[in-house]
Amino acid sequence: MIYTLPKYFQPIIYKIIKWHYRKPRRFSKRGIDMVLYPSVFHPSLYLSTDIFLDFILNLNLNNGNTLELGCGNGLISLYLAKHTDMKIYASDINPQAVEGISENAKRNNVVINAIHSDLFDKIESMHFDFIFINPPFYKAPVKAVNEHAFYAGQNLEYFEKLFSQLNVRKKSVGKTYMILSENAATKEIVKIAQKYRIKVDQVHQQQSNREWFYIYLVG
């Protein structure tokens, strides 16, 4: 829902959210009991989490390995760990997000392999049947750890690194899905993907609260 606000309101809203979540906050969503740690944003504030999770649940999930790359609050990983037989890995560049998902996994009696990593930097070269990515996409430099969830760098450096690493890992990944809002610089992102010989094929679109979301198969 924050994405639908005019851009000039976003910095003010971010400050309010950061103030509210200056200390751990407990909540429940989709039957998952969670504590949200400071600098990690609430999944209900952003429509993409629910849209992405609903799409994922319609996939033919099996008992293989799944990675939520840049998991943030980790709701998707927690839900999949509770309701599927997949072996779940979740990573994030924000150490408080990693701490939070580790604690919330214990709280919900599920097993999640939480990894502190900038994209694939600290992730072992292993096979993943699925990778799910809800990336930052606003063009702005990152000045604080919580901003990694929103800003992809002034020149979309996040996507430069993501697609270059995915190119190296092509043989060790089954399917990679990524969700973007209509507010993303999609044409520029696709152009970066093509630079690294990564295909970006739209497989789903959905409008919610007057905002369009698009899910892509990446590889």
N, C-alpha and C. Protein backbone atom coordinates (compact mmCIF):
# COMPACT_ATOMS: atom_id res chain seq x y z
N MET A 1 0.81 -1.21 0.00
CA MET A 1 0.00 0.00 0.00
C MET A 1 0.85 1.26 0.00
N ILE A 2 2.04 1.20 0.63
CA ILE A 2 2.93 2.36 0.64
C ILE A 2 3.33 2.72 -0.78
N TYR A 3 3.51 1.71 -1.66
CA TYR A 3 3.94 1.98 -3.02
C TYR A 3 2.94 2.83 -3.79
N THR A 4 1.67 2.80 -3.39
CA THR A 4 0.65 3.52 -4.14
C THR A 4 0.59 5.00 -3.78
N LEU A 5 1.29 5.40 -2.75
CA LEU A 5 1.28 6.80 -2.35
C LEU A 5 2.14 7.63 -3.30
N PRO A 6 1.80 8.91 -3.46
CA PRO A 6 2.67 9.78 -4.26
C PRO A 6 4.09 9.76 -3.71
N LYS A 7 5.07 9.86 -4.61
CA LYS A 7 6.46 9.72 -4.20
C LYS A 7 6.88 10.75 -3.16
N TYR A 8 6.30 11.95 -3.20
CA TYR A 8 6.72 12.97 -2.25
C TYR A 8 6.25 12.66 -0.83
N PHE A 9 5.29 11.73 -0.66
CA PHE A 9 4.85 11.32 0.66
C PHE A 9 5.71 10.19 1.24
N GLN A 10 6.38 9.45 0.37
CA GLN A 10 7.06 8.24 0.81
C GLN A 10 8.12 8.49 1.89
N PRO A 11 9.02 9.50 1.76
CA PRO A 11 10.00 9.73 2.83
C PRO A 11 9.36 9.99 4.18
N ILE A 12 8.22 10.71 4.21
CA ILE A 12 7.53 10.98 5.46
C ILE A 12 6.97 9.70 6.05
N ILE A 13 6.34 8.88 5.20
CA ILE A 13 5.76 7.62 5.65
C ILE A 13 6.85 6.70 6.18
N TYR A 14 8.00 6.64 5.48
CA TYR A 14 9.10 5.78 5.92
C TYR A 14 9.54 6.16 7.33
N LYS A 15 9.62 7.47 7.60
CA LYS A 15 10.05 7.93 8.92
C LYS A 15 9.06 7.50 10.00
N ILE A 16 7.76 7.57 9.67
CA ILE A 16 6.73 7.16 10.63
C ILE A 16 6.83 5.66 10.91
N ILE A 17 7.01 4.88 9.84
CA ILE A 17 7.12 3.43 10.00
C ILE A 17 8.35 3.08 10.82
N LYS A 18 9.48 3.70 10.51
CA LYS A 18 10.72 3.43 11.24
C LYS A 18 10.56 3.77 12.71
N TRP A 19 9.86 4.87 13.02
CA TRP A 19 9.63 5.24 14.41
C TRP A 19 8.76 4.20 15.10
N HIS A 20 7.69 3.78 14.43
CA HIS A 20 6.78 2.81 15.05
C HIS A 20 7.49 1.49 15.33
N TYR A 21 8.36 1.07 14.41
CA TYR A 21 9.05 -0.21 14.59
C TYR A 21 10.46 -0.02 15.13
N ARG A 22 10.62 0.98 16.02
CA ARG A 22 11.91 1.21 16.66
C ARG A 22 12.21 0.15 17.71
N LYS A 23 11.18 -0.63 18.07
CA LYS A 23 11.35 -1.75 18.99
C LYS A 23 10.57 -2.93 18.44
N PRO A 24 10.87 -4.15 18.87
CA PRO A 24 10.15 -5.33 18.34
C PRO A 24 8.64 -5.23 18.55
N ARG A 25 7.90 -5.62 17.51
CA ARG A 25 6.44 -5.62 17.58
C ARG A 25 5.92 -7.00 17.21
N ARG A 26 4.98 -7.50 17.99
CA ARG A 26 4.43 -8.83 17.75
C ARG A 26 3.10 -8.72 16.99
N PHE A 27 2.90 -9.65 16.05
CA PHE A 27 1.64 -9.67 15.29
C PHE A 27 1.46 -11.07 14.71
N SER A 28 0.28 -11.31 14.15
CA SER A 28 -0.03 -12.60 13.52
C SER A 28 -0.59 -12.34 12.13
N LYS A 29 -0.15 -13.13 11.17
CA LYS A 29 -0.64 -13.00 9.79
C LYS A 29 -0.65 -14.37 9.14
N ARG A 30 -1.77 -14.74 8.55
CA ARG A 30 -1.93 -16.04 7.89
C ARG A 30 -1.59 -17.20 8.82
N GLY A 31 -1.90 -17.04 10.08
CA GLY A 31 -1.64 -18.11 11.04
C GLY A 31 -0.20 -18.19 11.49
N ILE A 32 0.63 -17.23 11.10
CA ILE A 32 2.03 -17.20 11.49
C ILE A 32 2.20 -16.16 12.59
N ASP A 33 2.70 -16.60 13.75
CA ASP A 33 2.95 -15.71 14.88
C ASP A 33 4.35 -15.13 14.71
N MET A 34 4.45 -13.80 14.67
CA MET A 34 5.73 -13.17 14.35
C MET A 34 6.05 -12.02 15.29
N VAL A 35 7.34 -11.80 15.48
CA VAL A 35 7.85 -10.58 16.09
C VAL A 35 8.66 -9.86 15.01
N LEU A 36 8.31 -8.62 14.77
CA LEU A 36 8.99 -7.83 13.75
C LEU A 36 10.06 -6.98 14.42
N TYR A 37 11.28 -7.13 13.98
CA TYR A 37 12.41 -6.44 14.60
C TYR A 37 12.60 -5.06 13.97
N PRO A 38 13.24 -4.13 14.69
CA PRO A 38 13.50 -2.80 14.15
C PRO A 38 14.23 -2.87 12.81
N SER A 39 13.88 -1.98 11.91
CA SER A 39 14.43 -1.84 10.55
C SER A 39 13.88 -2.87 9.57
N VAL A 40 12.96 -3.74 10.03
CA VAL A 40 12.30 -4.72 9.14
C VAL A 40 10.83 -4.33 9.06
N PHE A 41 10.32 -4.22 7.85
CA PHE A 41 8.99 -3.66 7.69
C PHE A 41 7.87 -4.71 7.67
N HIS A 42 6.73 -4.28 8.10
CA HIS A 42 5.55 -5.14 8.25
C HIS A 42 5.04 -5.62 6.88
N PRO A 43 4.78 -6.93 6.73
CA PRO A 43 4.33 -7.44 5.42
C PRO A 43 2.96 -6.93 5.00
N SER A 44 2.13 -6.51 5.94
CA SER A 44 0.80 -6.02 5.58
C SER A 44 0.83 -4.61 5.00
N LEU A 45 1.95 -3.91 5.13
CA LEU A 45 2.05 -2.56 4.58
C LEU A 45 2.30 -2.57 3.08
N TYR A 46 2.68 -3.72 2.56
CA TYR A 46 3.05 -3.82 1.14
C TYR A 46 2.27 -4.95 0.49
N LEU A 47 1.57 -4.65 -0.57
CA LEU A 47 0.67 -5.61 -1.21
C LEU A 47 1.41 -6.76 -1.86
N SER A 48 2.65 -6.56 -2.22
CA SER A 48 3.39 -7.57 -3.00
C SER A 48 3.57 -8.88 -2.25
N THR A 49 3.69 -8.83 -0.92
CA THR A 49 3.94 -10.06 -0.15
C THR A 49 2.79 -11.04 -0.31
N ASP A 50 1.56 -10.60 -0.11
CA ASP A 50 0.40 -11.49 -0.22
C ASP A 50 0.20 -11.96 -1.65
N ILE A 51 0.38 -11.06 -2.61
CA ILE A 51 0.20 -11.44 -4.02
C ILE A 51 1.22 -12.50 -4.41
N PHE A 52 2.45 -12.31 -4.01
CA PHE A 52 3.51 -13.26 -4.33
C PHE A 52 3.27 -14.61 -3.66
N LEU A 53 2.89 -14.59 -2.39
CA LEU A 53 2.65 -15.84 -1.68
C LEU A 53 1.49 -16.61 -2.30
N ASP A 54 0.41 -15.94 -2.66
CA ASP A 54 -0.72 -16.62 -3.30
C ASP A 54 -0.29 -17.27 -4.61
N PHE A 55 0.53 -16.57 -5.38
CA PHE A 55 1.04 -17.13 -6.63
C PHE A 55 1.89 -18.37 -6.35
N ILE A 56 2.77 -18.27 -5.38
CA ILE A 56 3.68 -19.38 -5.04
C ILE A 56 2.91 -20.62 -4.64
N LEU A 57 1.83 -20.44 -3.90
CA LEU A 57 1.05 -21.58 -3.42
C LEU A 57 0.33 -22.32 -4.55
N ASN A 58 0.25 -21.71 -5.71
CA ASN A 58 -0.34 -22.39 -6.87
C ASN A 58 0.69 -23.10 -7.73
N LEU A 59 1.96 -23.03 -7.33
CA LEU A 59 3.00 -23.75 -8.05
C LEU A 59 3.03 -25.21 -7.60
N ASN A 60 3.67 -26.02 -8.40
CA ASN A 60 3.81 -27.44 -8.06
C ASN A 60 5.02 -27.62 -7.16
N LEU A 61 4.85 -27.24 -5.89
CA LEU A 61 5.93 -27.35 -4.92
C LEU A 61 6.13 -28.81 -4.52
N ASN A 62 7.39 -29.19 -4.36
CA ASN A 62 7.68 -30.56 -3.95
C ASN A 62 8.51 -30.55 -2.69
N ASN A 63 9.32 -31.57 -2.46
CA ASN A 63 10.11 -31.64 -1.24
C ASN A 63 11.57 -31.24 -1.47
N GLY A 64 11.80 -30.34 -2.41
CA GLY A 64 13.15 -29.90 -2.71
C GLY A 64 13.58 -28.70 -1.87
N ASN A 65 14.55 -27.95 -2.40
CA ASN A 65 15.10 -26.78 -1.70
C ASN A 65 14.52 -25.49 -2.26
N THR A 66 14.15 -24.58 -1.35
CA THR A 66 13.62 -23.28 -1.74
C THR A 66 14.41 -22.18 -1.05
N LEU A 67 14.73 -21.13 -1.80
CA LEU A 67 15.43 -19.97 -1.24
C LEU A 67 14.58 -18.72 -1.44
N GLU A 68 14.31 -18.01 -0.34
CA GLU A 68 13.72 -16.68 -0.44
C GLU A 68 14.88 -15.70 -0.34
N LEU A 69 15.26 -15.13 -1.45
CA LEU A 69 16.43 -14.26 -1.53
C LEU A 69 16.03 -12.83 -1.18
N GLY A 70 16.58 -12.32 -0.08
CA GLY A 70 16.14 -11.01 0.41
C GLY A 70 14.80 -11.15 1.10
N CYS A 71 14.75 -11.95 2.15
CA CYS A 71 13.48 -12.37 2.75
C CYS A 71 12.78 -11.29 3.56
N GLY A 72 13.51 -10.27 4.05
CA GLY A 72 12.86 -9.25 4.86
C GLY A 72 12.24 -9.85 6.11
N ASN A 73 10.94 -9.63 6.28
CA ASN A 73 10.23 -10.19 7.44
C ASN A 73 10.11 -11.71 7.38
N GLY A 74 10.27 -12.30 6.20
CA GLY A 74 10.31 -13.75 6.09
C GLY A 74 8.97 -14.46 6.12
N LEU A 75 7.88 -13.72 5.93
CA LEU A 75 6.56 -14.36 6.00
C LEU A 75 6.43 -15.50 4.99
N ILE A 76 6.91 -15.29 3.78
CA ILE A 76 6.80 -16.32 2.75
C ILE A 76 7.54 -17.58 3.17
N SER A 77 8.75 -17.43 3.66
CA SER A 77 9.53 -18.58 4.11
C SER A 77 8.87 -19.29 5.27
N LEU A 78 8.38 -18.53 6.22
CA LEU A 78 7.72 -19.12 7.39
C LEU A 78 6.47 -19.89 6.99
N TYR A 79 5.69 -19.33 6.08
CA TYR A 79 4.46 -19.99 5.65
C TYR A 79 4.78 -21.28 4.89
N LEU A 80 5.76 -21.23 4.00
CA LEU A 80 6.14 -22.42 3.25
C LEU A 80 6.72 -23.49 4.16
N ALA A 81 7.49 -23.07 5.16
CA ALA A 81 8.07 -24.03 6.11
C ALA A 81 6.97 -24.73 6.91
N LYS A 82 5.89 -24.02 7.18
CA LYS A 82 4.80 -24.58 7.98
C LYS A 82 3.86 -25.46 7.16
N HIS A 83 3.71 -25.15 5.87
CA HIS A 83 2.66 -25.80 5.10
C HIS A 83 3.16 -26.66 3.92
N THR A 84 4.47 -26.76 3.73
CA THR A 84 4.99 -27.62 2.67
C THR A 84 6.12 -28.49 3.22
N ASP A 85 6.57 -29.42 2.40
CA ASP A 85 7.69 -30.29 2.78
C ASP A 85 9.02 -29.78 2.22
N MET A 86 9.01 -28.57 1.71
CA MET A 86 10.24 -28.01 1.16
C MET A 86 11.26 -27.74 2.26
N LYS A 87 12.54 -27.82 1.90
CA LYS A 87 13.60 -27.38 2.80
C LYS A 87 13.83 -25.90 2.50
N ILE A 88 13.62 -25.06 3.51
CA ILE A 88 13.56 -23.62 3.30
C ILE A 88 14.85 -22.92 3.72
N TYR A 89 15.34 -22.10 2.80
CA TYR A 89 16.47 -21.22 3.06
C TYR A 89 15.97 -19.78 2.89
N ALA A 90 16.43 -18.88 3.76
CA ALA A 90 16.02 -17.48 3.66
C ALA A 90 17.24 -16.61 3.94
N SER A 91 17.46 -15.63 3.07
CA SER A 91 18.64 -14.77 3.24
C SER A 91 18.24 -13.31 3.23
N ASP A 92 19.09 -12.49 3.83
CA ASP A 92 18.87 -11.05 3.77
C ASP A 92 20.17 -10.33 4.11
N ILE A 93 20.33 -9.13 3.55
CA ILE A 93 21.50 -8.31 3.83
C ILE A 93 21.39 -7.64 5.19
N ASN A 94 20.17 -7.51 5.71
CA ASN A 94 19.90 -6.87 6.99
C ASN A 94 20.04 -7.91 8.12
N PRO A 95 21.02 -7.76 9.01
CA PRO A 95 21.20 -8.76 10.07
C PRO A 95 19.99 -8.89 10.99
N GLN A 96 19.23 -7.80 11.18
CA GLN A 96 18.05 -7.91 12.04
C GLN A 96 16.94 -8.72 11.37
N ALA A 97 16.88 -8.69 10.05
CA ALA A 97 15.92 -9.55 9.35
C ALA A 97 16.29 -11.01 9.54
N VAL A 98 17.57 -11.32 9.48
CA VAL A 98 18.03 -12.70 9.66
C VAL A 98 17.77 -13.16 11.09
N GLU A 99 18.06 -12.28 12.05
CA GLU A 99 17.78 -12.61 13.45
C GLU A 99 16.29 -12.84 13.66
N GLY A 100 15.49 -11.98 13.04
CA GLY A 100 14.05 -12.09 13.20
C GLY A 100 13.49 -13.39 12.64
N ILE A 101 13.93 -13.79 11.46
CA ILE A 101 13.37 -15.02 10.88
C ILE A 101 13.84 -16.24 11.65
N SER A 102 15.03 -16.20 12.22
CA SER A 102 15.50 -17.31 13.04
C SER A 102 14.63 -17.46 14.29
N GLU A 103 14.34 -16.34 14.94
CA GLU A 103 13.50 -16.37 16.13
C GLU A 103 12.07 -16.75 15.80
N ASN A 104 11.55 -16.24 14.71
CA ASN A 104 10.16 -16.55 14.33
C ASN A 104 10.00 -18.00 13.87
N ALA A 105 11.06 -18.57 13.33
CA ALA A 105 11.01 -20.00 12.99
C ALA A 105 10.84 -20.83 14.26
N LYS A 106 11.59 -20.49 15.29
CA LYS A 106 11.45 -21.19 16.57
C LYS A 106 10.06 -20.98 17.15
N ARG A 107 9.57 -19.76 17.05
CA ARG A 107 8.25 -19.40 17.59
C ARG A 107 7.14 -20.23 16.93
N ASN A 108 7.32 -20.56 15.65
CA ASN A 108 6.31 -21.30 14.91
C ASN A 108 6.64 -22.79 14.73
N ASN A 109 7.70 -23.23 15.42
CA ASN A 109 8.11 -24.64 15.39
C ASN A 109 8.37 -25.15 13.98
N VAL A 110 9.10 -24.34 13.21
CA VAL A 110 9.49 -24.76 11.87
C VAL A 110 11.01 -24.59 11.73
N VAL A 111 11.55 -25.20 10.70
CA VAL A 111 13.00 -25.13 10.46
C VAL A 111 13.27 -24.28 9.22
N ILE A 112 14.05 -23.24 9.40
CA ILE A 112 14.47 -22.38 8.29
C ILE A 112 15.97 -22.14 8.41
N ASN A 113 16.67 -22.31 7.32
CA ASN A 113 18.10 -22.03 7.28
C ASN A 113 18.27 -20.55 6.95
N ALA A 114 18.51 -19.72 7.96
CA ALA A 114 18.62 -18.28 7.78
C ALA A 114 20.07 -17.89 7.52
N ILE A 115 20.29 -17.06 6.50
CA ILE A 115 21.64 -16.71 6.06
C ILE A 115 21.78 -15.20 5.93
N HIS A 116 22.80 -14.65 6.56
CA HIS A 116 23.10 -13.22 6.40
C HIS A 116 23.96 -13.07 5.16
N SER A 117 23.39 -12.50 4.10
CA SER A 117 24.11 -12.44 2.84
C SER A 117 23.61 -11.30 1.97
N ASP A 118 24.52 -10.65 1.28
CA ASP A 118 24.18 -9.69 0.23
C ASP A 118 23.99 -10.49 -1.05
N LEU A 119 22.71 -10.69 -1.42
CA LEU A 119 22.37 -11.58 -2.52
C LEU A 119 23.04 -12.94 -2.31
N PHE A 120 23.83 -13.44 -3.29
CA PHE A 120 24.38 -14.80 -3.15
C PHE A 120 25.78 -14.83 -2.53
N ASP A 121 26.27 -13.70 -2.02
CA ASP A 121 27.67 -13.64 -1.58
C ASP A 121 28.04 -14.72 -0.57
N LYS A 122 27.15 -14.98 0.39
CA LYS A 122 27.46 -15.94 1.46
C LYS A 122 26.64 -17.22 1.35
N ILE A 123 26.02 -17.43 0.21
CA ILE A 123 25.19 -18.63 0.02
C ILE A 123 25.99 -19.68 -0.74
N GLU A 124 26.05 -20.86 -0.17
CA GLU A 124 26.82 -21.94 -0.79
C GLU A 124 26.26 -22.26 -2.17
N SER A 125 27.14 -22.74 -3.03
CA SER A 125 26.73 -23.12 -4.38
C SER A 125 26.04 -24.48 -4.32
N MET A 126 24.74 -24.45 -4.08
CA MET A 126 23.94 -25.67 -3.98
C MET A 126 22.74 -25.53 -4.90
N HIS A 127 22.06 -26.64 -5.13
CA HIS A 127 20.90 -26.61 -6.02
C HIS A 127 19.67 -26.12 -5.27
N PHE A 128 18.96 -25.17 -5.87
CA PHE A 128 17.66 -24.73 -5.37
C PHE A 128 16.62 -25.03 -6.44
N ASP A 129 15.55 -25.70 -6.02
CA ASP A 129 14.46 -25.99 -6.95
C ASP A 129 13.67 -24.73 -7.27
N PHE A 130 13.55 -23.85 -6.26
CA PHE A 130 12.87 -22.58 -6.45
C PHE A 130 13.63 -21.47 -5.73
N ILE A 131 13.67 -20.30 -6.36
CA ILE A 131 14.15 -19.08 -5.71
C ILE A 131 13.06 -18.03 -5.88
N PHE A 132 12.71 -17.37 -4.80
CA PHE A 132 11.68 -16.33 -4.83
C PHE A 132 12.30 -15.00 -4.42
N ILE A 133 12.04 -13.96 -5.23
CA ILE A 133 12.67 -12.66 -5.01
C ILE A 133 11.61 -11.56 -5.08
N ASN A 134 11.50 -10.80 -4.00
CA ASN A 134 10.67 -9.59 -3.96
C ASN A 134 11.65 -8.43 -3.78
N PRO A 135 12.20 -7.90 -4.87
CA PRO A 135 13.37 -7.03 -4.77
C PRO A 135 13.05 -5.56 -4.52
N PRO A 136 14.05 -4.80 -4.08
CA PRO A 136 13.91 -3.35 -4.09
C PRO A 136 13.96 -2.87 -5.53
N PHE A 137 13.31 -1.74 -5.83
CA PHE A 137 13.36 -1.30 -7.23
C PHE A 137 13.41 0.21 -7.42
N TYR A 138 13.28 0.98 -6.35
CA TYR A 138 13.37 2.43 -6.50
C TYR A 138 14.81 2.84 -6.80
N LYS A 139 14.98 3.79 -7.71
CA LYS A 139 16.31 4.24 -8.10
C LYS A 139 16.79 5.33 -7.14
N ALA A 140 17.59 4.92 -6.16
CA ALA A 140 18.15 5.84 -5.18
C ALA A 140 19.27 5.11 -4.45
N PRO A 141 20.27 5.84 -3.98
CA PRO A 141 21.34 5.19 -3.23
C PRO A 141 20.85 4.73 -1.86
N VAL A 142 21.45 3.67 -1.36
CA VAL A 142 21.10 3.13 -0.05
C VAL A 142 21.95 3.82 1.02
N LYS A 143 21.29 4.45 1.98
CA LYS A 143 22.01 5.19 3.02
C LYS A 143 21.86 4.57 4.40
N ALA A 144 20.96 3.60 4.55
CA ALA A 144 20.75 2.93 5.84
C ALA A 144 20.32 1.51 5.56
N VAL A 145 20.53 0.62 6.53
CA VAL A 145 20.30 -0.80 6.29
C VAL A 145 18.86 -1.09 5.91
N ASN A 146 17.90 -0.39 6.52
CA ASN A 146 16.51 -0.66 6.21
C ASN A 146 16.15 -0.26 4.78
N GLU A 147 16.93 0.63 4.17
CA GLU A 147 16.62 1.09 2.82
C GLU A 147 16.95 0.07 1.75
N HIS A 148 17.66 -1.00 2.12
CA HIS A 148 17.91 -2.08 1.17
C HIS A 148 16.60 -2.71 0.70
N ALA A 149 15.55 -2.57 1.49
CA ALA A 149 14.25 -3.15 1.12
C ALA A 149 13.54 -2.34 0.04
N PHE A 150 14.01 -1.09 -0.21
CA PHE A 150 13.33 -0.21 -1.14
C PHE A 150 14.18 0.24 -2.31
N TYR A 151 15.43 0.56 -2.04
CA TYR A 151 16.27 1.21 -3.05
C TYR A 151 17.25 0.24 -3.68
N ALA A 152 17.32 0.29 -5.00
CA ALA A 152 18.17 -0.63 -5.76
C ALA A 152 19.45 0.05 -6.23
N GLY A 153 19.73 1.24 -5.70
CA GLY A 153 20.89 1.99 -6.13
C GLY A 153 20.51 3.01 -7.19
N GLN A 154 21.34 4.04 -7.32
CA GLN A 154 21.04 5.12 -8.25
C GLN A 154 20.92 4.62 -9.69
N ASN A 155 21.71 3.61 -10.03
CA ASN A 155 21.70 3.05 -11.39
C ASN A 155 21.27 1.58 -11.39
N LEU A 156 20.42 1.23 -10.41
CA LEU A 156 19.90 -0.13 -10.29
C LEU A 156 21.03 -1.16 -10.12
N GLU A 157 22.01 -0.79 -9.31
CA GLU A 157 23.15 -1.69 -9.08
C GLU A 157 22.72 -3.03 -8.48
N TYR A 158 21.64 -3.02 -7.72
CA TYR A 158 21.12 -4.27 -7.16
C TYR A 158 20.89 -5.29 -8.28
N PHE A 159 20.26 -4.86 -9.36
CA PHE A 159 19.93 -5.78 -10.45
C PHE A 159 21.16 -6.17 -11.26
N GLU A 160 22.13 -5.29 -11.35
CA GLU A 160 23.40 -5.65 -11.98
C GLU A 160 24.02 -6.84 -11.26
N LYS A 161 24.06 -6.75 -9.94
CA LYS A 161 24.67 -7.82 -9.15
C LYS A 161 23.80 -9.09 -9.17
N LEU A 162 22.49 -8.91 -9.03
CA LEU A 162 21.58 -10.07 -9.03
C LEU A 162 21.70 -10.88 -10.30
N PHE A 163 21.59 -10.22 -11.45
CA PHE A 163 21.59 -10.95 -12.72
C PHE A 163 22.96 -11.52 -13.06
N SER A 164 24.02 -10.84 -12.65
CA SER A 164 25.35 -11.39 -12.90
C SER A 164 25.56 -12.67 -12.08
N GLN A 165 25.05 -12.69 -10.85
CA GLN A 165 25.17 -13.89 -10.01
C GLN A 165 24.25 -15.01 -10.49
N LEU A 166 23.05 -14.66 -10.94
CA LEU A 166 22.15 -15.68 -11.47
C LEU A 166 22.72 -16.31 -12.74
N ASN A 167 23.41 -15.53 -13.54
CA ASN A 167 24.03 -16.06 -14.74
C ASN A 167 25.03 -17.16 -14.40
N VAL A 168 25.81 -16.94 -13.35
CA VAL A 168 26.80 -17.93 -12.92
C VAL A 168 26.12 -19.18 -12.36
N ARG A 169 24.94 -19.01 -11.76
CA ARG A 169 24.25 -20.10 -11.07
C ARG A 169 23.19 -20.80 -11.92
N LYS A 170 23.11 -20.51 -13.17
CA LYS A 170 22.04 -21.06 -14.01
C LYS A 170 21.86 -22.57 -13.85
N LYS A 171 22.96 -23.30 -13.79
CA LYS A 171 22.88 -24.76 -13.76
C LYS A 171 22.47 -25.30 -12.40
N SER A 172 22.49 -24.44 -11.37
CA SER A 172 22.17 -24.92 -10.02
C SER A 172 20.82 -24.41 -9.53
N VAL A 173 20.03 -23.84 -10.44
CA VAL A 173 18.73 -23.30 -10.07
C VAL A 173 17.64 -23.91 -10.94
N GLY A 174 16.57 -24.35 -10.29
CA GLY A 174 15.42 -24.86 -11.03
C GLY A 174 14.64 -23.71 -11.65
N LYS A 175 13.82 -23.02 -10.84
CA LYS A 175 13.03 -21.89 -11.32
C LYS A 175 13.18 -20.71 -10.36
N THR A 176 13.35 -19.53 -10.93
CA THR A 176 13.44 -18.30 -10.15
C THR A 176 12.29 -17.39 -10.52
N TYR A 177 11.55 -16.94 -9.51
CA TYR A 177 10.43 -16.03 -9.73
C TYR A 177 10.70 -14.70 -9.02
N MET A 178 10.30 -13.63 -9.66
CA MET A 178 10.50 -12.28 -9.13
C MET A 178 9.24 -11.47 -9.33
N ILE A 179 8.86 -10.68 -8.32
CA ILE A 179 7.69 -9.82 -8.42
C ILE A 179 8.13 -8.37 -8.48
N LEU A 180 7.46 -7.58 -9.33
CA LEU A 180 7.71 -6.15 -9.45
C LEU A 180 6.39 -5.41 -9.47
N SER A 181 6.41 -4.20 -8.98
CA SER A 181 5.26 -3.30 -9.06
C SER A 181 5.31 -2.52 -10.37
N GLU A 182 4.17 -1.96 -10.74
CA GLU A 182 4.14 -1.09 -11.92
C GLU A 182 5.04 0.14 -11.74
N ASN A 183 5.41 0.43 -10.51
CA ASN A 183 6.26 1.58 -10.23
C ASN A 183 7.74 1.31 -10.48
N ALA A 184 8.08 0.07 -10.78
CA ALA A 184 9.48 -0.28 -11.04
C ALA A 184 9.90 0.17 -12.43
N ALA A 185 11.19 0.40 -12.58
CA ALA A 185 11.75 0.74 -13.89
C ALA A 185 11.97 -0.55 -14.67
N THR A 186 10.86 -1.18 -15.05
CA THR A 186 10.91 -2.54 -15.59
C THR A 186 11.73 -2.63 -16.87
N LYS A 187 11.59 -1.67 -17.77
CA LYS A 187 12.33 -1.73 -19.03
C LYS A 187 13.84 -1.70 -18.77
N GLU A 188 14.26 -0.89 -17.83
CA GLU A 188 15.68 -0.81 -17.50
C GLU A 188 16.16 -2.09 -16.83
N ILE A 189 15.30 -2.66 -15.97
CA ILE A 189 15.64 -3.90 -15.29
C ILE A 189 15.80 -5.04 -16.30
N VAL A 190 14.88 -5.13 -17.25
CA VAL A 190 14.95 -6.17 -18.28
C VAL A 190 16.20 -5.98 -19.14
N LYS A 191 16.54 -4.75 -19.42
CA LYS A 191 17.74 -4.48 -20.22
C LYS A 191 19.00 -4.95 -19.49
N ILE A 192 19.03 -4.76 -18.17
CA ILE A 192 20.17 -5.26 -17.38
C ILE A 192 20.20 -6.78 -17.42
N ALA A 193 19.03 -7.41 -17.30
CA ALA A 193 18.97 -8.87 -17.36
C ALA A 193 19.52 -9.39 -18.69
N GLN A 194 19.13 -8.75 -19.78
CA GLN A 194 19.60 -9.17 -21.10
C GLN A 194 21.11 -9.03 -21.22
N LYS A 195 21.66 -8.04 -20.57
CA LYS A 195 23.11 -7.83 -20.57
C LYS A 195 23.84 -9.07 -20.04
N TYR A 196 23.21 -9.74 -19.07
CA TYR A 196 23.80 -10.94 -18.47
C TYR A 196 23.17 -12.23 -19.00
N ARG A 197 22.49 -12.12 -20.13
CA ARG A 197 21.87 -13.28 -20.78
C ARG A 197 20.86 -13.98 -19.88
N ILE A 198 20.09 -13.18 -19.18
CA ILE A 198 19.03 -13.67 -18.32
C ILE A 198 17.69 -13.32 -18.94
N LYS A 199 16.83 -14.31 -19.13
CA LYS A 199 15.49 -14.07 -19.67
C LYS A 199 14.56 -13.64 -18.54
N VAL A 200 13.65 -12.73 -18.87
CA VAL A 200 12.64 -12.26 -17.92
C VAL A 200 11.28 -12.38 -18.60
N ASP A 201 10.52 -13.41 -18.23
CA ASP A 201 9.24 -13.68 -18.87
C ASP A 201 8.10 -13.47 -17.88
N GLN A 202 7.16 -12.61 -18.23
CA GLN A 202 6.02 -12.38 -17.35
C GLN A 202 5.10 -13.60 -17.35
N VAL A 203 4.75 -14.08 -16.14
CA VAL A 203 3.89 -15.25 -16.00
C VAL A 203 2.60 -14.96 -15.25
N HIS A 204 2.51 -13.76 -14.67
CA HIS A 204 1.30 -13.44 -13.90
C HIS A 204 1.22 -11.93 -13.75
N GLN A 205 -0.01 -11.42 -13.77
CA GLN A 205 -0.23 -10.01 -13.46
C GLN A 205 -1.49 -9.89 -12.62
N GLN A 206 -1.49 -8.93 -11.73
CA GLN A 206 -2.63 -8.78 -10.82
C GLN A 206 -2.71 -7.35 -10.33
N GLN A 207 -3.91 -6.83 -10.30
CA GLN A 207 -4.12 -5.48 -9.78
C GLN A 207 -4.70 -5.55 -8.38
N SER A 208 -4.16 -4.73 -7.50
CA SER A 208 -4.67 -4.66 -6.13
C SER A 208 -4.55 -3.22 -5.65
N ASN A 209 -5.66 -2.70 -5.11
CA ASN A 209 -5.67 -1.32 -4.61
C ASN A 209 -5.17 -0.34 -5.67
N ARG A 210 -5.64 -0.55 -6.91
CA ARG A 210 -5.33 0.32 -8.06
C ARG A 210 -3.85 0.28 -8.48
N GLU A 211 -3.14 -0.75 -8.04
CA GLU A 211 -1.74 -0.90 -8.42
C GLU A 211 -1.54 -2.27 -9.09
N TRP A 212 -0.82 -2.27 -10.20
CA TRP A 212 -0.55 -3.51 -10.91
C TRP A 212 0.76 -4.13 -10.42
N PHE A 213 0.73 -5.45 -10.27
CA PHE A 213 1.92 -6.22 -9.91
C PHE A 213 2.16 -7.27 -10.98
N TYR A 214 3.43 -7.53 -11.25
CA TYR A 214 3.81 -8.47 -12.31
C TYR A 214 4.82 -9.45 -11.74
N ILE A 215 4.58 -10.74 -12.04
CA ILE A 215 5.50 -11.78 -11.59
C ILE A 215 6.19 -12.36 -12.82
N TYR A 216 7.50 -12.53 -12.70
CA TYR A 216 8.32 -12.95 -13.82
C TYR A 216 9.06 -14.25 -13.49
N LEU A 217 9.20 -15.09 -14.51
CA LEU A 217 10.09 -16.23 -14.44
C LEU A 217 11.43 -15.76 -14.97
N VAL A 218 12.45 -15.89 -14.16
CA VAL A 218 13.77 -15.32 -14.48
C VAL A 218 14.79 -16.44 -14.65
N GLY A 219 15.53 -16.40 -15.74
CA GLY A 219 16.55 -17.43 -15.87
C GLY A 219 17.16 -17.45 -17.26
